[in-house]
N, C-alpha and C. Protein backbone atom coordinates (compact mmCIF):
# COMPACT_ATOMS: atom_id res chain seq x y z
N MET A 1 -91.33 53.82 -49.40
CA MET A 1 -90.20 54.68 -49.71
C MET A 1 -89.61 55.10 -48.77
N SER A 2 -88.30 55.07 -48.13
CA SER A 2 -87.73 55.72 -47.32
C SER A 2 -86.77 56.52 -47.98
N LYS A 3 -85.97 57.49 -46.55
CA LYS A 3 -85.21 58.22 -46.14
C LYS A 3 -83.85 58.12 -45.81
N ILE A 4 -83.08 58.23 -46.39
CA ILE A 4 -81.29 58.07 -45.51
C ILE A 4 -80.72 59.94 -45.71
N ILE A 5 -80.43 59.17 -44.15
CA ILE A 5 -79.66 60.58 -43.48
C ILE A 5 -78.16 60.64 -43.06
N THR A 6 -77.57 61.10 -43.61
CA THR A 6 -76.43 61.18 -42.95
C THR A 6 -75.90 62.19 -41.97
N SER A 7 -75.43 61.74 -40.65
CA SER A 7 -75.00 61.94 -39.72
C SER A 7 -74.11 63.20 -39.70
N PRO A 8 -74.26 64.39 -39.49
CA PRO A 8 -73.07 65.21 -39.26
C PRO A 8 -72.40 65.76 -38.24
N PHE A 9 -72.04 64.41 -36.89
CA PHE A 9 -71.81 64.53 -35.65
C PHE A 9 -70.41 63.70 -36.08
N GLU A 10 -69.24 63.78 -35.62
CA GLU A 10 -67.88 63.13 -35.68
C GLU A 10 -68.17 61.84 -35.05
N LYS A 11 -68.89 62.23 -33.45
CA LYS A 11 -68.93 61.24 -32.49
C LYS A 11 -69.79 59.75 -33.51
N PHE A 12 -70.29 60.28 -34.07
CA PHE A 12 -71.61 59.60 -34.44
C PHE A 12 -72.06 59.38 -35.87
N LYS A 13 -70.74 58.75 -36.58
CA LYS A 13 -70.63 59.07 -38.07
C LYS A 13 -71.66 57.43 -39.02
N GLY A 14 -71.87 58.17 -39.33
CA GLY A 14 -73.35 57.26 -40.33
C GLY A 14 -74.40 57.69 -41.09
N THR A 15 -75.67 56.83 -41.25
CA THR A 15 -76.44 56.84 -41.77
C THR A 15 -77.70 56.14 -40.79
N VAL A 16 -78.88 56.88 -40.48
CA VAL A 16 -79.90 56.61 -40.48
C VAL A 16 -81.01 56.54 -41.18
N THR A 17 -81.80 55.46 -42.12
CA THR A 17 -82.53 55.24 -42.55
C THR A 17 -84.61 55.34 -41.86
N LEU A 18 -84.74 56.62 -42.06
CA LEU A 18 -86.28 56.71 -41.79
C LEU A 18 -87.16 56.66 -42.90
N SER A 19 -88.41 56.02 -41.75
CA SER A 19 -89.57 55.64 -42.81
C SER A 19 -90.34 57.27 -43.71
N ASP A 20 -90.30 57.23 -44.85
CA ASP A 20 -91.23 58.15 -45.53
C ASP A 20 -92.05 57.53 -46.56
N PRO A 21 -92.79 57.91 -46.23
CA PRO A 21 -93.97 59.20 -45.71
C PRO A 21 -94.26 58.08 -44.13
N LEU A 22 -94.46 58.37 -42.82
CA LEU A 22 -95.16 57.69 -41.87
C LEU A 22 -96.27 57.38 -41.28
N ASN A 23 -96.36 56.12 -41.04
CA ASN A 23 -97.52 54.97 -41.21
C ASN A 23 -98.52 55.61 -40.27
N MET A 24 -99.81 55.92 -39.65
CA MET A 24 -100.35 55.92 -39.04
C MET A 24 -99.61 55.41 -37.67
N ALA A 25 -99.46 54.17 -37.54
CA ALA A 25 -98.95 54.17 -35.45
C ALA A 25 -98.19 55.35 -35.52
N GLN A 26 -96.66 55.14 -36.53
CA GLN A 26 -95.58 56.31 -36.08
C GLN A 26 -96.06 57.30 -36.47
N THR A 27 -97.09 58.05 -37.01
CA THR A 27 -97.74 59.37 -36.40
C THR A 27 -98.25 59.45 -35.46
N LEU A 28 -99.03 59.14 -34.87
CA LEU A 28 -99.72 58.78 -33.66
C LEU A 28 -98.64 59.13 -32.66
N GLY A 29 -97.74 58.06 -32.91
CA GLY A 29 -96.82 58.07 -31.32
C GLY A 29 -95.83 59.26 -31.26
N TRP A 30 -95.89 60.14 -33.01
CA TRP A 30 -94.51 61.53 -33.13
C TRP A 30 -95.38 62.27 -31.88
N GLU A 31 -97.20 62.39 -32.37
CA GLU A 31 -97.97 63.13 -32.37
C GLU A 31 -98.21 63.60 -30.65
N LYS A 32 -97.47 61.66 -29.73
CA LYS A 32 -98.31 61.52 -28.79
C LYS A 32 -96.76 62.59 -28.05
N ALA A 33 -95.91 61.68 -28.98
CA ALA A 33 -94.34 62.36 -27.84
C ALA A 33 -94.43 63.90 -27.97
N ILE A 34 -94.88 64.87 -28.92
CA ILE A 34 -94.53 66.40 -29.27
C ILE A 34 -95.63 66.48 -27.73
N ARG A 35 -97.02 66.12 -27.49
CA ARG A 35 -97.85 66.72 -26.83
C ARG A 35 -96.84 66.80 -25.28
N LEU A 36 -96.82 65.79 -25.39
CA LEU A 36 -95.77 64.75 -23.84
C LEU A 36 -94.71 65.90 -23.75
N ALA A 37 -93.85 65.98 -24.86
CA ALA A 37 -92.43 67.09 -24.71
C ALA A 37 -93.18 68.15 -24.14
N GLN A 38 -94.28 68.92 -24.47
CA GLN A 38 -94.96 70.13 -24.75
C GLN A 38 -95.22 70.19 -23.16
N SER A 39 -95.71 68.95 -22.48
CA SER A 39 -96.03 69.45 -21.14
C SER A 39 -95.29 69.11 -19.82
N LEU A 40 -94.18 69.02 -20.28
CA LEU A 40 -92.78 68.62 -19.69
C LEU A 40 -92.13 70.40 -19.17
N GLY A 41 -92.85 71.46 -19.80
CA GLY A 41 -92.82 72.47 -19.83
C GLY A 41 -91.61 73.29 -19.45
N GLU A 42 -90.73 74.42 -19.19
CA GLU A 42 -89.54 75.33 -20.17
C GLU A 42 -88.34 74.69 -18.93
N GLN A 43 -89.09 74.49 -17.59
CA GLN A 43 -88.10 73.67 -17.07
C GLN A 43 -87.70 72.62 -16.78
N VAL A 44 -86.78 72.05 -17.76
CA VAL A 44 -86.64 70.59 -18.16
C VAL A 44 -85.07 70.31 -18.30
N TYR A 45 -85.34 69.02 -17.62
CA TYR A 45 -83.58 68.54 -17.93
C TYR A 45 -84.15 67.55 -19.50
N ILE A 46 -82.77 68.18 -20.32
CA ILE A 46 -82.59 67.64 -21.93
C ILE A 46 -82.43 66.38 -21.89
N SER A 47 -82.59 65.52 -20.42
CA SER A 47 -82.86 64.21 -21.22
C SER A 47 -84.36 63.36 -20.63
N ASP A 48 -84.89 64.21 -20.00
CA ASP A 48 -85.92 63.89 -19.79
C ASP A 48 -86.77 64.39 -21.27
N LEU A 49 -86.26 65.53 -21.77
CA LEU A 49 -87.46 65.68 -23.30
C LEU A 49 -86.86 64.50 -23.42
N ASN A 50 -84.93 63.99 -24.50
CA ASN A 50 -84.89 63.25 -24.94
C ASN A 50 -85.28 61.83 -24.76
N ALA A 51 -85.37 61.60 -23.49
CA ALA A 51 -86.30 60.64 -23.25
C ALA A 51 -87.74 60.25 -23.76
N THR A 52 -88.43 61.29 -23.27
CA THR A 52 -90.07 61.79 -24.38
C THR A 52 -90.11 61.61 -25.31
N TYR A 53 -89.29 61.92 -25.74
CA TYR A 53 -89.03 61.81 -27.87
C TYR A 53 -88.33 60.03 -28.52
N LEU A 54 -87.90 59.90 -27.36
CA LEU A 54 -86.90 57.97 -28.47
C LEU A 54 -88.04 57.50 -28.23
N PRO A 55 -88.68 56.71 -27.82
CA PRO A 55 -89.59 55.77 -28.43
C PRO A 55 -90.23 55.65 -29.59
N ALA A 56 -90.48 56.93 -29.38
CA ALA A 56 -91.40 56.92 -30.60
C ALA A 56 -90.81 57.61 -32.36
N LEU A 57 -89.53 58.45 -31.89
CA LEU A 57 -87.69 58.29 -32.96
C LEU A 57 -87.95 57.02 -33.00
N MET A 58 -87.46 56.08 -32.67
CA MET A 58 -87.03 54.61 -32.84
C MET A 58 -88.20 54.25 -33.30
N ALA A 59 -89.77 54.53 -33.58
CA ALA A 59 -90.47 53.43 -34.32
C ALA A 59 -90.31 53.99 -35.70
N CYS A 60 -89.85 55.54 -35.53
CA CYS A 60 -89.61 56.25 -37.53
C CYS A 60 -88.35 55.86 -38.22
N VAL A 61 -87.24 55.35 -37.53
CA VAL A 61 -86.55 54.40 -38.03
C VAL A 61 -86.90 53.12 -38.50
N GLU A 62 -85.90 53.24 -39.83
CA GLU A 62 -86.26 51.61 -40.01
C GLU A 62 -84.82 50.95 -39.64
N GLU A 63 -83.48 51.54 -39.94
CA GLU A 63 -82.54 51.15 -39.51
C GLU A 63 -81.25 52.22 -39.22
N TRP A 64 -80.37 51.83 -38.18
CA TRP A 64 -79.24 52.11 -38.34
C TRP A 64 -77.83 52.01 -38.84
N HIS A 65 -77.30 52.85 -38.70
CA HIS A 65 -75.86 52.13 -39.48
C HIS A 65 -75.13 54.09 -38.59
N ILE A 66 -74.78 54.05 -37.15
CA ILE A 66 -74.34 55.26 -36.54
C ILE A 66 -73.22 54.19 -35.70
N ALA A 67 -72.20 54.76 -36.03
CA ALA A 67 -70.99 54.39 -34.65
C ALA A 67 -71.72 54.67 -33.72
N GLY A 68 -71.50 53.43 -32.57
CA GLY A 68 -71.41 53.83 -31.01
C GLY A 68 -73.56 53.78 -31.23
N ILE A 69 -73.78 53.53 -31.34
CA ILE A 69 -75.71 53.22 -31.61
C ILE A 69 -75.48 51.78 -32.07
N PRO A 70 -76.24 50.58 -31.35
CA PRO A 70 -76.87 49.65 -31.66
C PRO A 70 -77.57 49.29 -32.37
N PRO A 71 -77.06 48.71 -33.45
CA PRO A 71 -78.02 48.17 -35.04
C PRO A 71 -79.41 48.29 -34.81
N ASN A 72 -80.20 47.86 -33.25
CA ASN A 72 -81.56 47.42 -33.29
C ASN A 72 -81.69 48.37 -31.72
N PRO A 73 -81.95 49.62 -32.14
CA PRO A 73 -81.70 50.31 -30.62
C PRO A 73 -82.53 50.31 -29.60
N THR A 74 -83.06 50.13 -28.11
CA THR A 74 -84.01 49.93 -27.94
C THR A 74 -84.14 51.63 -26.42
N PRO A 75 -85.32 52.03 -26.58
CA PRO A 75 -85.09 53.24 -24.90
C PRO A 75 -83.41 52.76 -24.28
N GLU A 76 -84.01 51.21 -23.95
CA GLU A 76 -83.22 51.15 -22.84
C GLU A 76 -81.13 50.89 -22.56
N THR A 77 -80.94 51.29 -24.02
CA THR A 77 -80.13 50.16 -24.74
C THR A 77 -78.67 51.56 -25.17
N PHE A 78 -80.02 52.70 -26.08
CA PHE A 78 -79.54 53.62 -26.35
C PHE A 78 -78.69 54.43 -25.54
N PRO A 79 -77.28 54.70 -26.47
CA PRO A 79 -75.97 56.04 -25.45
C PRO A 79 -76.93 57.33 -25.14
N PHE A 80 -76.51 57.91 -23.49
CA PHE A 80 -77.11 59.07 -23.48
C PHE A 80 -76.01 59.48 -22.83
N SER A 81 -74.78 59.15 -23.10
CA SER A 81 -73.59 59.67 -22.37
C SER A 81 -72.42 59.51 -23.49
N PRO A 82 -72.21 60.44 -23.99
CA PRO A 82 -71.44 61.17 -23.31
C PRO A 82 -72.90 62.12 -23.44
N ARG A 83 -73.23 63.40 -23.02
CA ARG A 83 -74.61 64.02 -23.00
C ARG A 83 -74.49 64.48 -23.99
N LEU A 84 -73.72 65.67 -24.52
CA LEU A 84 -73.84 66.17 -24.92
C LEU A 84 -73.86 66.47 -26.82
N ALA A 85 -72.79 64.74 -26.57
CA ALA A 85 -72.90 65.04 -27.94
C ALA A 85 -73.92 63.27 -28.42
N THR A 86 -74.07 63.01 -27.17
CA THR A 86 -76.29 62.14 -27.57
C THR A 86 -77.27 63.42 -27.75
N ALA A 87 -77.32 63.92 -26.71
CA ALA A 87 -78.21 65.46 -27.17
C ALA A 87 -78.35 65.56 -28.34
N LYS A 88 -77.41 66.43 -29.29
CA LYS A 88 -77.23 67.01 -30.52
C LYS A 88 -77.45 65.32 -31.54
N LEU A 89 -77.06 64.29 -31.33
CA LEU A 89 -77.74 63.39 -31.75
C LEU A 89 -79.27 63.10 -32.02
N ILE A 90 -80.17 63.03 -31.24
CA ILE A 90 -81.19 63.33 -31.02
C ILE A 90 -81.89 64.31 -31.34
N ASP A 91 -81.40 65.56 -30.64
CA ASP A 91 -81.85 66.72 -31.68
C ASP A 91 -82.02 66.58 -32.83
N TRP A 92 -80.90 66.19 -33.04
CA TRP A 92 -79.99 65.94 -34.82
C TRP A 92 -81.93 65.14 -35.77
N LEU A 93 -82.27 64.48 -34.75
CA LEU A 93 -83.35 62.88 -35.41
C LEU A 93 -84.71 63.66 -35.11
N ILE A 94 -84.51 64.69 -34.45
CA ILE A 94 -85.80 65.24 -33.90
C ILE A 94 -86.21 65.78 -34.61
N GLY A 95 -85.50 66.80 -35.07
CA GLY A 95 -85.10 67.74 -36.92
C GLY A 95 -85.64 66.68 -38.26
N GLU A 96 -85.23 66.33 -38.45
CA GLU A 96 -85.36 65.58 -38.99
C GLU A 96 -86.67 64.70 -39.42
N ILE A 97 -87.03 63.74 -38.14
CA ILE A 97 -88.10 63.28 -38.33
C ILE A 97 -89.67 64.12 -38.79
N SER A 98 -89.52 65.26 -38.01
CA SER A 98 -89.96 66.76 -38.00
C SER A 98 -90.37 66.76 -39.44
N LYS A 99 -89.35 66.83 -39.95
CA LYS A 99 -89.03 67.36 -41.21
C LYS A 99 -90.92 66.07 -41.99
N VAL A 100 -90.18 65.12 -42.23
CA VAL A 100 -91.05 63.84 -42.77
C VAL A 100 -91.80 64.39 -41.51
N TYR A 101 -92.88 64.21 -41.15
CA TYR A 101 -93.84 64.56 -40.24
C TYR A 101 -94.42 65.97 -41.08
N VAL A 102 -93.98 67.30 -40.81
CA VAL A 102 -94.40 68.20 -41.37
C VAL A 102 -94.76 68.61 -43.73
N GLY A 103 -93.59 67.91 -43.44
CA GLY A 103 -93.61 67.79 -45.18
C GLY A 103 -94.49 67.38 -46.17
N GLU A 104 -95.53 66.13 -45.56
CA GLU A 104 -96.55 66.19 -45.90
C GLU A 104 -98.06 67.33 -45.72
N ILE A 105 -97.87 68.21 -45.01
CA ILE A 105 -98.78 68.67 -44.66
C ILE A 105 -98.36 70.32 -45.68
N GLU A 106 -97.09 70.91 -45.90
CA GLU A 106 -96.34 71.43 -46.46
C GLU A 106 -97.18 71.23 -48.12
N GLU A 107 -96.71 70.40 -48.30
CA GLU A 107 -96.62 69.37 -49.92
C GLU A 107 -98.77 70.20 -50.46
N GLY A 108 -98.99 69.33 -49.56
CA GLY A 108 -100.89 69.30 -49.52
C GLY A 108 -100.83 70.92 -49.32
N GLU A 109 -100.73 71.97 -48.84
CA GLU A 109 -101.07 73.30 -48.85
C GLU A 109 -100.70 73.59 -49.90
N LYS A 110 -99.33 73.29 -50.23
CA LYS A 110 -98.86 74.04 -52.24
C LYS A 110 -99.58 73.29 -53.15
N ASN A 111 -100.58 72.63 -53.28
CA ASN A 111 -101.49 71.67 -54.39
C ASN A 111 -102.61 72.61 -53.59
N ALA A 112 -102.91 73.12 -53.01
CA ALA A 112 -104.55 72.97 -52.76
C ALA A 112 -104.75 74.24 -53.62
């Protein structure tokens, strides 16, 4: 099953299809990205934080249909400018993937 989300950004109109639920490799990659991001500390450039999450984020996306993003982006081809707009897009995607990741835990807690 997949989850289609619509970009709320004028600069990056379109949809992204996320894996839902995440498989083991995606979950382990997401957890590794979280640990790496936390290890960067509080005084970190947003580009470094985004670069930490991007490989795991891309592993969780099944399809990209976003204006300005290649259909099969890699960390090397994903745009990092304009910086504010791309940072907002990446932050939004981090939040949406986190909902898929954490949602499984919350559902289990409700049923326990």
